[in-house]
C-alpha cells in the first residue's frame, strides 16, 4: 500500500505540474496573442504610414513639376512680351517716319524752288504750307498740339520762365513766347519758354 500511496502522490504531483504547465502555457499563449495583436496593429500602422509617405512623395513631385512648368511659362511670357514690345515700338517708329516723309518732300521742293526763283512771297507761302502740314500730322497721328501762352498767367507746370521783363501788364503774365509748348494728349510734352511781366 505504501507503493500505491507513493504512486498516487506522484500522480497528483504530475497532475499538479501538468496543471501548472497548462496554466503557464495558457498565460504564455495569452501573452503571445496580445503580442501578436500588437504586432499586427504595428504592421497595419506601418503600412498606412508607408502609403501616406508614398502619397506625400508623389504629391511633392507633382507640385515641383507644376511649379517648374509655371516658372517656364512665366519666362516664356516675359520673352514674348519683350519681343512684342520691340515689335510695337518698331511699328510706331516706322509709322512716325512714314508720316513725316511728305514734310521732307515738301521741304525739298521748297528748297529747289527757292534756288530757281528768289520770290520771297512764294517761299514764305510754301514754308507756311509745310508747317501747316507738319502740325496737322503731329495732331492727327500723335495727338501733339501746341498750347497758347501769350497773355496767359504763368503756370510752372506748362511754362519755363526765361526772363522777367518790366511791363504795364499785371505781374506774372506772359508777354513773350520764345518757344511754343506742346501737349501729347493731355500731358505736357514740352514746356513753353516764355518771358514774364514783373
N, C-alpha and C. Protein backbone atom coordinates (compact mmCIF):
# COMPACT_ATOMS: atom_id res chain seq x y z
N UNK A 1 0.80 -1.16 0.00
CA UNK A 1 0.00 0.00 0.00
C UNK A 1 0.86 1.25 0.00
N UNK A 2 1.93 1.18 0.55
CA UNK A 2 2.81 2.32 0.55
C UNK A 2 3.26 2.65 -0.86
N UNK A 3 3.36 1.64 -1.65
CA UNK A 3 3.71 1.91 -3.05
C UNK A 3 2.58 2.62 -3.75
N UNK A 4 1.36 2.22 -3.40
CA UNK A 4 0.22 2.84 -4.02
C UNK A 4 0.12 4.30 -3.62
N UNK A 5 0.43 4.58 -2.38
CA UNK A 5 0.39 5.95 -1.91
C UNK A 5 1.43 6.79 -2.63
N UNK A 6 2.57 6.22 -2.80
CA UNK A 6 3.64 6.93 -3.49
C UNK A 6 3.22 7.19 -4.93
N UNK A 7 2.63 6.18 -5.56
CA UNK A 7 2.18 6.36 -6.95
C UNK A 7 1.09 7.43 -7.03
N UNK A 8 0.17 7.38 -6.08
CA UNK A 8 -0.89 8.40 -6.07
C UNK A 8 -0.31 9.78 -5.87
N UNK A 9 0.64 9.80 -4.94
CA UNK A 9 1.28 11.06 -4.67
C UNK A 9 1.99 11.55 -5.92
N UNK A 10 2.72 10.66 -6.58
CA UNK A 10 3.43 11.00 -7.82
C UNK A 10 2.43 11.43 -8.89
N UNK A 11 1.33 10.71 -8.91
CA UNK A 11 0.31 11.01 -9.89
C UNK A 11 -0.28 12.40 -9.64
N UNK A 12 -0.51 12.71 -8.37
CA UNK A 12 -1.06 14.01 -8.02
C UNK A 12 -0.05 15.11 -8.36
N UNK A 13 1.20 14.81 -8.06
CA UNK A 13 2.23 15.79 -8.37
C UNK A 13 2.33 15.98 -9.88
N UNK A 14 2.22 14.91 -10.62
CA UNK A 14 2.26 15.01 -12.10
C UNK A 14 1.09 15.84 -12.62
N UNK A 15 -0.07 15.53 -12.04
CA UNK A 15 -1.24 16.27 -12.48
C UNK A 15 -1.11 17.74 -12.09
N UNK A 16 -0.60 17.96 -10.91
CA UNK A 16 -0.40 19.33 -10.46
C UNK A 16 0.58 20.05 -11.36
N UNK A 17 1.65 19.38 -11.70
CA UNK A 17 2.62 20.02 -12.59
C UNK A 17 2.06 20.18 -13.99
N UNK A 18 1.19 19.22 -14.39
CA UNK A 18 0.54 19.39 -15.70
C UNK A 18 -0.37 20.60 -15.68
N UNK A 19 -1.11 20.78 -14.57
CA UNK A 19 -1.98 21.95 -14.45
C UNK A 19 -1.17 23.24 -14.47
N UNK A 20 -0.05 23.17 -13.74
CA UNK A 20 0.81 24.36 -13.73
C UNK A 20 1.33 24.66 -15.13
N UNK A 21 1.71 23.59 -15.84
CA UNK A 21 2.20 23.76 -17.22
C UNK A 21 1.10 24.31 -18.11
N UNK A 22 -0.13 23.75 -17.91
CA UNK A 22 -1.24 24.25 -18.72
C UNK A 22 -1.49 25.72 -18.41
N UNK A 23 -1.51 26.03 -17.14
CA UNK A 23 -1.77 27.41 -16.74
C UNK A 23 -0.66 28.32 -17.24
N UNK A 24 0.56 27.84 -17.16
CA UNK A 24 1.70 28.62 -17.63
C UNK A 24 1.66 28.76 -19.15
N UNK A 25 1.32 27.66 -19.84
CA UNK A 25 1.24 27.75 -21.31
C UNK A 25 0.05 28.59 -21.72
N UNK A 26 -1.03 28.57 -20.93
CA UNK A 26 -2.19 29.41 -21.22
C UNK A 26 -1.81 30.88 -21.08
N UNK A 27 -1.03 31.18 -20.02
CA UNK A 27 -0.57 32.56 -19.84
C UNK A 27 0.33 32.97 -21.00
N UNK A 28 1.21 32.02 -21.37
CA UNK A 28 2.12 32.31 -22.49
C UNK A 28 1.32 32.54 -23.76
N UNK A 29 0.32 31.69 -23.98
CA UNK A 29 -0.44 31.82 -25.22
C UNK A 29 -1.25 33.11 -25.22
N UNK A 30 -1.75 33.54 -24.01
CA UNK A 30 -2.45 34.83 -23.93
C UNK A 30 -1.47 35.96 -24.21
N UNK A 31 -0.27 35.84 -23.67
CA UNK A 31 0.74 36.88 -23.91
C UNK A 31 1.13 36.90 -25.38
N UNK A 32 1.28 35.71 -25.96
CA UNK A 32 1.62 35.64 -27.39
C UNK A 32 0.50 36.22 -28.23
N UNK A 33 -0.75 35.97 -27.84
CA UNK A 33 -1.89 36.50 -28.57
C UNK A 33 -1.88 38.04 -28.49
N UNK A 34 -1.63 38.57 -27.28
CA UNK A 34 -1.55 40.02 -27.12
C UNK A 34 -0.40 40.58 -27.94
N UNK A 35 0.72 39.91 -27.89
CA UNK A 35 1.90 40.36 -28.66
C UNK A 35 1.60 40.28 -30.16
N UNK A 36 0.92 39.21 -30.56
CA UNK A 36 0.56 39.06 -31.98
C UNK A 36 -0.38 40.15 -32.44
N UNK A 37 -1.35 40.50 -31.58
CA UNK A 37 -2.28 41.58 -31.92
C UNK A 37 -1.55 42.91 -32.01
N UNK A 38 -0.66 43.14 -31.03
CA UNK A 38 0.10 44.40 -31.04
C UNK A 38 0.98 44.47 -32.29
N UNK A 39 1.59 43.34 -32.64
CA UNK A 39 2.44 43.30 -33.84
C UNK A 39 1.62 43.57 -35.10
N UNK A 40 0.46 42.94 -35.16
CA UNK A 40 -0.41 43.15 -36.33
C UNK A 40 -0.84 44.62 -36.42
N UNK A 41 -1.16 45.22 -35.25
CA UNK A 41 -1.55 46.63 -35.25
C UNK A 41 -0.37 47.49 -35.71
N UNK A 42 0.81 47.21 -35.22
CA UNK A 42 2.00 47.95 -35.65
C UNK A 42 2.24 47.78 -37.14
N UNK A 43 2.07 46.55 -37.60
CA UNK A 43 2.27 46.28 -39.03
C UNK A 43 1.25 47.04 -39.87
N UNK A 44 0.01 47.08 -39.40
CA UNK A 44 -1.04 47.81 -40.10
C UNK A 44 -0.71 49.32 -40.12
N UNK A 45 -0.33 49.86 -38.94
CA UNK A 45 0.05 51.27 -38.86
C UNK A 45 1.24 51.57 -39.78
N UNK A 46 2.18 50.66 -39.81
CA UNK A 46 3.36 50.83 -40.68
C UNK A 46 2.94 50.93 -42.14
N UNK A 47 2.05 50.03 -42.57
CA UNK A 47 1.60 50.04 -43.98
C UNK A 47 0.81 51.31 -44.29
N UNK A 48 0.00 51.78 -43.32
CA UNK A 48 -0.73 53.03 -43.52
C UNK A 48 0.24 54.21 -43.67
N UNK A 49 1.22 54.27 -42.77
CA UNK A 49 2.22 55.33 -42.84
C UNK A 49 3.04 55.24 -44.12
N UNK A 50 3.37 54.03 -44.53
CA UNK A 50 4.11 53.83 -45.78
C UNK A 50 3.30 54.37 -46.95
N UNK A 51 1.99 54.09 -46.97
CA UNK A 51 1.12 54.59 -48.03
C UNK A 51 1.04 56.11 -48.01
N UNK A 52 0.89 56.69 -46.81
CA UNK A 52 0.84 58.15 -46.69
C UNK A 52 2.15 58.77 -47.15
N UNK A 53 3.26 58.15 -46.79
CA UNK A 53 4.58 58.65 -47.19
C UNK A 53 4.72 58.64 -48.71
N UNK A 54 4.35 57.53 -49.33
CA UNK A 54 4.44 57.42 -50.80
C UNK A 54 3.53 58.44 -51.47
N UNK A 55 2.32 58.65 -50.91
CA UNK A 55 1.40 59.65 -51.46
C UNK A 55 2.00 61.05 -51.34
N UNK A 56 2.61 61.33 -50.18
CA UNK A 56 3.23 62.65 -49.98
C UNK A 56 4.38 62.86 -50.97
N UNK A 57 5.17 61.82 -51.20
CA UNK A 57 6.28 61.91 -52.17
C UNK A 57 5.73 62.22 -53.55
N UNK A 58 4.68 61.51 -53.97
CA UNK A 58 4.09 61.75 -55.29
C UNK A 58 3.50 63.15 -55.39
N UNK A 59 2.82 63.60 -54.34
CA UNK A 59 2.24 64.95 -54.36
C UNK A 59 3.34 66.01 -54.44
N UNK A 60 4.44 65.79 -53.72
CA UNK A 60 5.57 66.72 -53.76
C UNK A 60 6.18 66.77 -55.15
N UNK A 61 6.37 65.61 -55.76
CA UNK A 61 6.91 65.57 -57.12
C UNK A 61 5.97 66.29 -58.09
N UNK A 62 4.67 66.06 -57.95
CA UNK A 62 3.70 66.71 -58.82
C UNK A 62 3.75 68.22 -58.63
N UNK A 63 3.82 68.67 -57.36
CA UNK A 63 3.88 70.11 -57.08
C UNK A 63 5.15 70.72 -57.65
N UNK A 64 6.27 70.01 -57.54
CA UNK A 64 7.54 70.52 -58.10
C UNK A 64 7.46 70.63 -59.62
N UNK A 65 6.91 69.62 -60.26
CA UNK A 65 6.77 69.66 -61.72
C UNK A 65 5.85 70.81 -62.15
N UNK A 66 4.76 70.99 -61.40
CA UNK A 66 3.83 72.07 -61.71
C UNK A 66 4.51 73.43 -61.54
N UNK A 67 5.28 73.58 -60.47
CA UNK A 67 5.99 74.83 -60.24
C UNK A 67 7.00 75.10 -61.37
N UNK A 68 7.72 74.08 -61.79
CA UNK A 68 8.68 74.25 -62.88
C UNK A 68 7.97 74.66 -64.17
N UNK A 69 6.79 74.07 -64.43
CA UNK A 69 6.03 74.47 -65.63
C UNK A 69 5.59 75.93 -65.54
N UNK A 70 5.13 76.34 -64.35
CA UNK A 70 4.68 77.73 -64.18
C UNK A 70 5.85 78.69 -64.38
N UNK A 71 7.01 78.36 -63.82
CA UNK A 71 8.20 79.21 -63.99
C UNK A 71 8.59 79.29 -65.46
N UNK A 72 8.55 78.16 -66.16
CA UNK A 72 8.89 78.15 -67.58
C UNK A 72 7.88 78.98 -68.39
N UNK A 73 6.60 78.84 -68.07
CA UNK A 73 5.58 79.62 -68.77
C UNK A 73 5.77 81.11 -68.50
N UNK A 74 6.12 81.47 -67.27
CA UNK A 74 6.36 82.88 -66.93
C UNK A 74 7.55 83.43 -67.72
N UNK A 75 8.63 82.66 -67.78
CA UNK A 75 9.80 83.10 -68.56
C UNK A 75 9.45 83.27 -70.04
N UNK A 76 8.70 82.31 -70.58
CA UNK A 76 8.29 82.40 -71.99
C UNK A 76 7.41 83.63 -72.21
N UNK A 77 6.51 83.90 -71.26
CA UNK A 77 5.63 85.06 -71.40
C UNK A 77 6.45 86.35 -71.38
N UNK A 78 7.45 86.43 -70.49
CA UNK A 78 8.30 87.62 -70.43
C UNK A 78 9.04 87.81 -71.75
N UNK A 79 9.55 86.73 -72.32
CA UNK A 79 10.28 86.81 -73.60
C UNK A 79 9.34 87.26 -74.72
N UNK A 80 8.12 86.67 -74.75
CA UNK A 80 7.14 87.06 -75.77
C UNK A 80 6.75 88.52 -75.62
N UNK A 81 6.56 88.95 -74.37
CA UNK A 81 6.17 90.33 -74.13
C UNK A 81 7.28 91.29 -74.56
N UNK A 82 8.53 90.94 -74.28
CA UNK A 82 9.65 91.79 -74.69
C UNK A 82 9.71 91.89 -76.21
N UNK A 83 9.55 90.75 -76.89
CA UNK A 83 9.56 90.77 -78.36
C UNK A 83 8.40 91.60 -78.90
N UNK A 84 7.22 91.44 -78.28
CA UNK A 84 6.04 92.19 -78.73
C UNK A 84 6.25 93.69 -78.51
N UNK A 85 6.84 94.06 -77.39
CA UNK A 85 7.10 95.48 -77.12
C UNK A 85 8.04 96.06 -78.16
N UNK A 86 9.08 95.32 -78.50
CA UNK A 86 10.03 95.78 -79.52
C UNK A 86 9.33 95.91 -80.87
N UNK A 87 8.49 94.92 -81.19
CA UNK A 87 7.77 94.95 -82.46
C UNK A 87 6.84 96.16 -82.53
N UNK A 88 6.10 96.42 -81.45
CA UNK A 88 5.18 97.57 -81.42
C UNK A 88 5.96 98.87 -81.52
N UNK A 89 7.07 98.96 -80.81
CA UNK A 89 7.89 100.17 -80.86
C UNK A 89 8.44 100.40 -82.27
N UNK A 90 8.92 99.33 -82.90
CA UNK A 90 9.41 99.46 -84.27
C UNK A 90 8.30 99.89 -85.22
N UNK A 91 7.10 99.33 -85.03
CA UNK A 91 5.97 99.70 -85.87
C UNK A 91 5.63 101.18 -85.69
N UNK A 92 5.64 101.66 -84.44
CA UNK A 92 5.33 103.07 -84.18
C UNK A 92 6.40 103.98 -84.78
N UNK A 93 7.66 103.58 -84.68
CA UNK A 93 8.74 104.38 -85.30
C UNK A 93 8.54 104.46 -86.80
N UNK A 94 8.23 103.31 -87.41
CA UNK A 94 8.01 103.27 -88.85
C UNK A 94 6.82 104.15 -89.24
N UNK A 95 5.76 104.07 -88.46
CA UNK A 95 4.56 104.86 -88.72
C UNK A 95 4.89 106.36 -88.63
N UNK A 96 5.66 106.75 -87.61
CA UNK A 96 6.02 108.16 -87.45
C UNK A 96 6.90 108.63 -88.61
N UNK A 97 7.90 107.83 -88.94
CA UNK A 97 8.81 108.22 -90.02
C UNK A 97 8.04 108.35 -91.34
N UNK A 98 7.14 107.39 -91.60
CA UNK A 98 6.37 107.43 -92.84
C UNK A 98 5.48 108.67 -92.91
N UNK A 99 4.90 109.06 -91.76
CA UNK A 99 4.02 110.23 -91.77
C UNK A 99 4.81 111.53 -91.94
N UNK A 100 6.10 111.53 -91.60
CA UNK A 100 6.91 112.74 -91.75
C UNK A 100 7.54 112.88 -93.14
N UNK A 101 7.55 111.82 -93.91
CA UNK A 101 8.17 111.88 -95.24
C UNK A 101 7.54 112.93 -96.15
N UNK A 102 6.21 113.11 -96.17
CA UNK A 102 5.65 114.18 -97.02
C UNK A 102 6.17 115.57 -96.65
N UNK A 103 6.45 115.79 -95.35
CA UNK A 103 7.01 117.08 -94.93
C UNK A 103 8.40 117.24 -95.53
N UNK A 104 9.19 116.18 -95.49
CA UNK A 104 10.54 116.22 -96.08
C UNK A 104 10.44 116.49 -97.58
N UNK A 105 9.50 115.82 -98.26
CA UNK A 105 9.30 116.03 -99.70
C UNK A 105 9.00 117.51 -99.99
N UNK A 106 8.10 118.10 -99.22
CA UNK A 106 7.73 119.50 -99.45
C UNK A 106 8.88 120.45 -99.12
N UNK A 107 9.65 120.14 -98.11
CA UNK A 107 10.81 120.97 -97.80
C UNK A 107 11.84 120.89 -98.93
N UNK A 108 12.02 119.70 -99.50
CA UNK A 108 12.94 119.55 -100.64
C UNK A 108 12.45 120.35 -101.83
N UNK A 109 11.13 120.28 -102.10
CA UNK A 109 10.56 121.06 -103.20
C UNK A 109 10.76 122.56 -102.96
N UNK A 110 10.53 122.98 -101.71
CA UNK A 110 10.68 124.39 -101.37
C UNK A 110 12.12 124.84 -101.56
N UNK A 111 13.05 123.99 -101.13
CA UNK A 111 14.47 124.33 -101.29
C UNK A 111 14.85 124.41 -102.76
N UNK A 112 14.33 123.51 -103.59
CA UNK A 112 14.62 123.51 -105.02
C UNK A 112 13.99 124.73 -105.69
N UNK A 113 12.77 125.07 -105.26
CA UNK A 113 12.05 126.21 -105.85
C UNK A 113 12.77 127.52 -105.53
N UNK A 114 13.18 127.68 -104.27
CA UNK A 114 13.84 128.93 -103.88
C UNK A 114 15.19 129.09 -104.56
N UNK A 115 15.81 128.01 -104.91
CA UNK A 115 17.08 128.12 -105.62
C UNK A 115 16.85 128.66 -107.03
N UNK A 116 15.71 128.32 -107.66
CA UNK A 116 15.41 128.77 -109.02
C UNK A 116 14.89 130.20 -109.02
N UNK A 117 13.95 130.47 -108.11
CA UNK A 117 13.33 131.79 -108.06
C UNK A 117 13.51 132.36 -106.67
N UNK A 118 13.93 133.55 -106.58
CA UNK A 118 14.15 134.19 -105.28
C UNK A 118 12.93 135.00 -104.89
N UNK A 119 11.73 134.47 -105.12
CA UNK A 119 10.49 135.15 -104.78
C UNK A 119 10.20 134.90 -103.29
N UNK A 120 10.30 135.94 -102.50
CA UNK A 120 10.15 135.82 -101.05
C UNK A 120 8.73 135.42 -100.68
N UNK A 121 7.74 135.97 -101.37
CA UNK A 121 6.35 135.68 -101.03
C UNK A 121 6.02 134.21 -101.28
N UNK A 122 6.43 133.68 -102.43
CA UNK A 122 6.14 132.27 -102.71
C UNK A 122 6.91 131.36 -101.76
N UNK A 123 8.11 131.75 -101.38
CA UNK A 123 8.89 130.96 -100.44
C UNK A 123 8.21 130.96 -99.06
N UNK A 124 7.71 132.10 -98.66
CA UNK A 124 7.00 132.21 -97.37
C UNK A 124 5.73 131.36 -97.38
N UNK A 125 4.98 131.43 -98.48
CA UNK A 125 3.75 130.62 -98.59
C UNK A 125 4.06 129.12 -98.56
N UNK A 126 5.10 128.74 -99.25
CA UNK A 126 5.50 127.32 -99.26
C UNK A 126 5.90 126.85 -97.88
N UNK A 127 6.63 127.68 -97.17
CA UNK A 127 7.06 127.32 -95.80
C UNK A 127 5.85 127.20 -94.88
N UNK A 128 4.88 128.12 -95.03
CA UNK A 128 3.67 128.05 -94.21
C UNK A 128 2.88 126.77 -94.49
N UNK A 129 2.80 126.40 -95.78
CA UNK A 129 2.10 125.16 -96.13
C UNK A 129 2.77 123.93 -95.51
N UNK A 130 4.10 123.91 -95.57
CA UNK A 130 4.84 122.78 -94.98
C UNK A 130 4.61 122.75 -93.47
N UNK A 131 4.67 123.90 -92.82
CA UNK A 131 4.44 123.97 -91.38
C UNK A 131 3.04 123.49 -91.02
N UNK A 132 2.03 123.94 -91.76
CA UNK A 132 0.65 123.50 -91.51
C UNK A 132 0.52 121.99 -91.67
N UNK A 133 1.16 121.47 -92.72
CA UNK A 133 1.11 120.02 -92.96
C UNK A 133 1.76 119.28 -91.79
N UNK A 134 2.89 119.77 -91.35
CA UNK A 134 3.62 119.13 -90.26
C UNK A 134 2.79 119.16 -88.96
N UNK A 135 2.19 120.30 -88.64
CA UNK A 135 1.37 120.41 -87.43
C UNK A 135 0.13 119.52 -87.51
N UNK A 136 -0.44 119.39 -88.70
CA UNK A 136 -1.61 118.51 -88.90
C UNK A 136 -1.22 117.05 -88.64
N UNK A 137 -0.06 116.64 -89.15
CA UNK A 137 0.42 115.27 -88.92
C UNK A 137 0.64 115.04 -87.43
N UNK A 138 1.28 116.00 -86.76
CA UNK A 138 1.52 115.86 -85.31
C UNK A 138 0.19 115.72 -84.56
N UNK A 139 -0.79 116.51 -84.96
CA UNK A 139 -2.09 116.48 -84.28
C UNK A 139 -2.85 115.18 -84.58
N UNK A 140 -2.97 114.84 -85.85
CA UNK A 140 -3.79 113.69 -86.25
C UNK A 140 -3.15 112.35 -85.89
N UNK A 141 -1.86 112.22 -86.09
CA UNK A 141 -1.19 110.93 -85.89
C UNK A 141 -0.71 110.71 -84.46
N UNK A 142 -0.29 111.81 -83.80
CA UNK A 142 0.36 111.65 -82.49
C UNK A 142 -0.31 112.40 -81.35
N UNK A 143 -1.40 113.10 -81.64
CA UNK A 143 -2.13 113.87 -80.65
C UNK A 143 -1.25 114.94 -80.01
N UNK A 144 -0.33 115.50 -80.78
CA UNK A 144 0.55 116.57 -80.31
C UNK A 144 -0.01 117.89 -80.80
N UNK A 145 -0.36 118.78 -79.85
CA UNK A 145 -0.90 120.09 -80.21
C UNK A 145 -0.21 121.17 -79.38
N UNK A 146 -0.05 122.33 -79.98
CA UNK A 146 0.55 123.46 -79.29
C UNK A 146 -0.49 124.10 -78.38
N UNK A 147 -0.04 124.68 -77.29
CA UNK A 147 -0.97 125.44 -76.45
C UNK A 147 -0.52 126.90 -76.41
N UNK A 148 -1.52 127.77 -76.26
CA UNK A 148 -1.27 129.23 -76.25
C UNK A 148 -0.71 129.64 -74.91
N UNK A 149 0.24 130.58 -74.95
CA UNK A 149 0.84 131.07 -73.71
C UNK A 149 0.77 132.59 -73.58
N UNK A 150 0.81 133.31 -74.70
CA UNK A 150 0.82 134.78 -74.66
C UNK A 150 -0.42 135.30 -73.94
N UNK A 151 -0.19 136.30 -73.08
CA UNK A 151 -1.24 136.96 -72.31
C UNK A 151 -1.94 136.02 -71.32
N UNK A 152 -1.32 134.88 -71.02
CA UNK A 152 -1.87 133.94 -70.02
C UNK A 152 -1.07 134.09 -68.72
N UNK A 153 -1.66 133.66 -67.64
CA UNK A 153 -0.96 133.65 -66.35
C UNK A 153 0.13 132.58 -66.40
N UNK A 154 1.31 132.91 -65.86
CA UNK A 154 2.41 131.95 -65.83
C UNK A 154 2.02 130.74 -64.99
N UNK A 155 2.28 129.54 -65.53
CA UNK A 155 1.98 128.28 -64.83
C UNK A 155 3.24 127.41 -64.91
N UNK A 156 3.90 127.15 -63.77
CA UNK A 156 5.16 126.40 -63.80
C UNK A 156 5.00 124.96 -64.32
N UNK A 157 3.77 124.45 -64.37
CA UNK A 157 3.55 123.11 -64.90
C UNK A 157 3.55 123.09 -66.43
N UNK A 158 3.41 124.29 -67.04
CA UNK A 158 3.37 124.38 -68.51
C UNK A 158 4.43 125.30 -69.09
N UNK A 159 4.98 126.20 -68.26
CA UNK A 159 5.88 127.23 -68.79
C UNK A 159 7.23 127.20 -68.09
N UNK A 160 8.27 127.56 -68.84
CA UNK A 160 9.60 127.81 -68.28
C UNK A 160 9.89 129.29 -68.47
N UNK A 161 10.07 130.02 -67.35
CA UNK A 161 10.35 131.45 -67.44
C UNK A 161 11.83 131.64 -67.77
N UNK A 162 12.10 132.24 -68.90
CA UNK A 162 13.48 132.50 -69.31
C UNK A 162 13.97 133.84 -68.76
N UNK A 163 13.04 134.79 -68.63
CA UNK A 163 13.39 136.12 -68.12
C UNK A 163 12.13 136.81 -67.62
N UNK A 164 12.36 137.88 -66.86
CA UNK A 164 11.25 138.72 -66.40
C UNK A 164 11.48 140.11 -66.99
N UNK A 165 10.41 140.69 -67.51
CA UNK A 165 10.51 141.99 -68.18
C UNK A 165 9.53 142.95 -67.53
N UNK A 166 10.01 144.19 -67.31
CA UNK A 166 9.12 145.22 -66.76
C UNK A 166 8.04 145.52 -67.80
N UNK A 167 6.81 145.60 -67.34
CA UNK A 167 5.70 145.79 -68.27
C UNK A 167 4.55 146.48 -67.54
N UNK A 168 3.64 147.06 -68.34
CA UNK A 168 2.46 147.67 -67.76
C UNK A 168 1.38 146.62 -67.46
N UNK A 169 1.63 145.39 -67.84
CA UNK A 169 0.67 144.30 -67.57
C UNK A 169 0.84 143.82 -66.13
N UNK A 170 -0.17 143.14 -65.65
CA UNK A 170 -0.17 142.58 -64.30
C UNK A 170 1.02 141.63 -64.13
N UNK A 171 1.57 141.52 -62.95
CA UNK A 171 2.72 140.66 -62.67
C UNK A 171 2.36 139.18 -62.90
N UNK A 172 3.28 138.44 -63.52
CA UNK A 172 3.06 137.01 -63.75
C UNK A 172 2.38 136.69 -65.07
N UNK A 173 2.14 137.70 -65.91
CA UNK A 173 1.50 137.49 -67.22
C UNK A 173 2.61 137.26 -68.24
N UNK A 174 2.40 136.31 -69.13
CA UNK A 174 3.39 136.01 -70.17
C UNK A 174 3.28 137.06 -71.27
N UNK A 175 4.41 137.73 -71.55
CA UNK A 175 4.38 138.80 -72.55
C UNK A 175 5.16 138.44 -73.81
N UNK A 176 6.02 137.42 -73.73
CA UNK A 176 6.72 136.95 -74.93
C UNK A 176 6.83 135.43 -74.87
N UNK A 177 6.81 134.81 -76.07
CA UNK A 177 6.95 133.35 -76.16
C UNK A 177 8.13 133.06 -77.08
N UNK A 178 9.18 132.43 -76.52
CA UNK A 178 10.36 132.12 -77.32
C UNK A 178 10.20 130.78 -78.04
N UNK A 179 9.62 129.82 -77.35
CA UNK A 179 9.32 128.51 -77.96
C UNK A 179 7.95 128.09 -77.48
N UNK A 180 7.15 127.56 -78.41
CA UNK A 180 5.80 127.10 -78.06
C UNK A 180 5.88 125.86 -77.18
N UNK A 181 4.86 125.71 -76.36
CA UNK A 181 4.71 124.49 -75.56
C UNK A 181 3.74 123.54 -76.26
N UNK A 182 3.89 122.25 -76.00
CA UNK A 182 3.04 121.25 -76.68
C UNK A 182 2.49 120.24 -75.68
N UNK A 183 1.27 119.80 -75.98
CA UNK A 183 0.64 118.69 -75.26
C UNK A 183 0.76 117.43 -76.09
N UNK A 184 0.91 116.31 -75.40
CA UNK A 184 0.76 114.99 -76.03
C UNK A 184 -0.47 114.40 -75.37
N UNK A 185 -1.60 114.49 -76.06
CA UNK A 185 -2.88 114.15 -75.43
C UNK A 185 -3.17 115.21 -74.38
N UNK A 186 -3.24 114.80 -73.11
CA UNK A 186 -3.48 115.76 -72.03
C UNK A 186 -2.23 116.02 -71.20
N UNK A 187 -1.11 115.44 -71.60
CA UNK A 187 0.15 115.58 -70.86
C UNK A 187 1.02 116.64 -71.53
N UNK A 188 1.71 117.44 -70.71
CA UNK A 188 2.61 118.44 -71.27
C UNK A 188 3.83 117.71 -71.84
N UNK A 189 4.00 117.83 -73.16
CA UNK A 189 5.14 117.21 -73.83
C UNK A 189 6.37 118.10 -73.70
N UNK A 190 6.16 119.40 -73.90
CA UNK A 190 7.26 120.35 -73.77
C UNK A 190 6.73 121.64 -73.17
N UNK A 191 7.46 122.18 -72.20
CA UNK A 191 7.09 123.46 -71.61
C UNK A 191 7.37 124.57 -72.61
N UNK A 192 6.56 125.60 -72.56
CA UNK A 192 6.80 126.79 -73.40
C UNK A 192 7.88 127.63 -72.71
N UNK A 193 8.80 128.14 -73.50
CA UNK A 193 9.85 129.04 -72.98
C UNK A 193 9.33 130.47 -73.18
N UNK A 194 9.20 131.19 -72.05
CA UNK A 194 8.50 132.46 -72.09
C UNK A 194 9.23 133.55 -71.29
N UNK A 195 8.79 134.80 -71.55
CA UNK A 195 9.19 135.94 -70.74
C UNK A 195 7.95 136.39 -69.97
N UNK A 196 8.14 136.70 -68.69
CA UNK A 196 7.02 137.02 -67.82
C UNK A 196 7.13 138.46 -67.34
N UNK A 197 5.99 139.12 -67.19
CA UNK A 197 6.00 140.50 -66.70
C UNK A 197 6.32 140.51 -65.21
N UNK A 198 7.06 141.59 -64.81
CA UNK A 198 7.41 141.71 -63.39
C UNK A 198 6.25 142.24 -62.59
